[in-house]
Amino acid sequence: MNVLLLAAQDPLAWYEILLPLLAATIVGGLLGLEREFFGSFAGLRTHMLVSLGASVFTIAAREVVGEDPNALSRVLQGVATGVGFIGAGTILKLSSAGRVHGLTTAASLWLSAALGVAVSLGEWRLALYASLLALIVLMLLKPLERIWDTGNEQTDTPTSEETEDEE
């Protein structure tokens, strides 16, 4: 039965819509907090909105097309592509040192959308495990990356703009 219609008929059915939206916002926020902490171009609110938006598209698509896997697949492809464009806006090439910044933020936005889709499809464990792994990658691997970069220093000295903590 249509969840939106069910929610109108049964006030207790609101949770079938609200819980996935809240969960998507929370998991997006987890990634956004990490990005916000390190001063990236897209932080807490952006990640939350991307994940929430992906959740809305997914829930709406399921309500409109039902369980048709082909139609749902097209919606998910559209979400992934659209978020790819948002992520592209966070990527900068700093020509003076030949460095690219913003790739990790773009990837975390893309993952934030995927997490929103996952919770909206009822894949709560997938969203939880992927969130935990993402936080491990973003937070715990950063020191290793810095150690690696220190051992492989380039001959060019980056400017103060290029040393910002944004991949």
Foldseek 3Di string as FASTA:
>chain_A
DQLVVVCVVDVVSVCLLPVLLVQLLVLLQLLQCLCVVLPAPGHRVNSSVLLNVLLVLQSVQCNVVPPPVVSSVVSNVVSLVVLLVVQVVRWDQDVVVRDIFRPLVSVSSSVSSVLSNCVSVVNVVVSVVVSVVSCCVSPVCVVVVVVVCVVVDDPDDDDPVVPRSTD
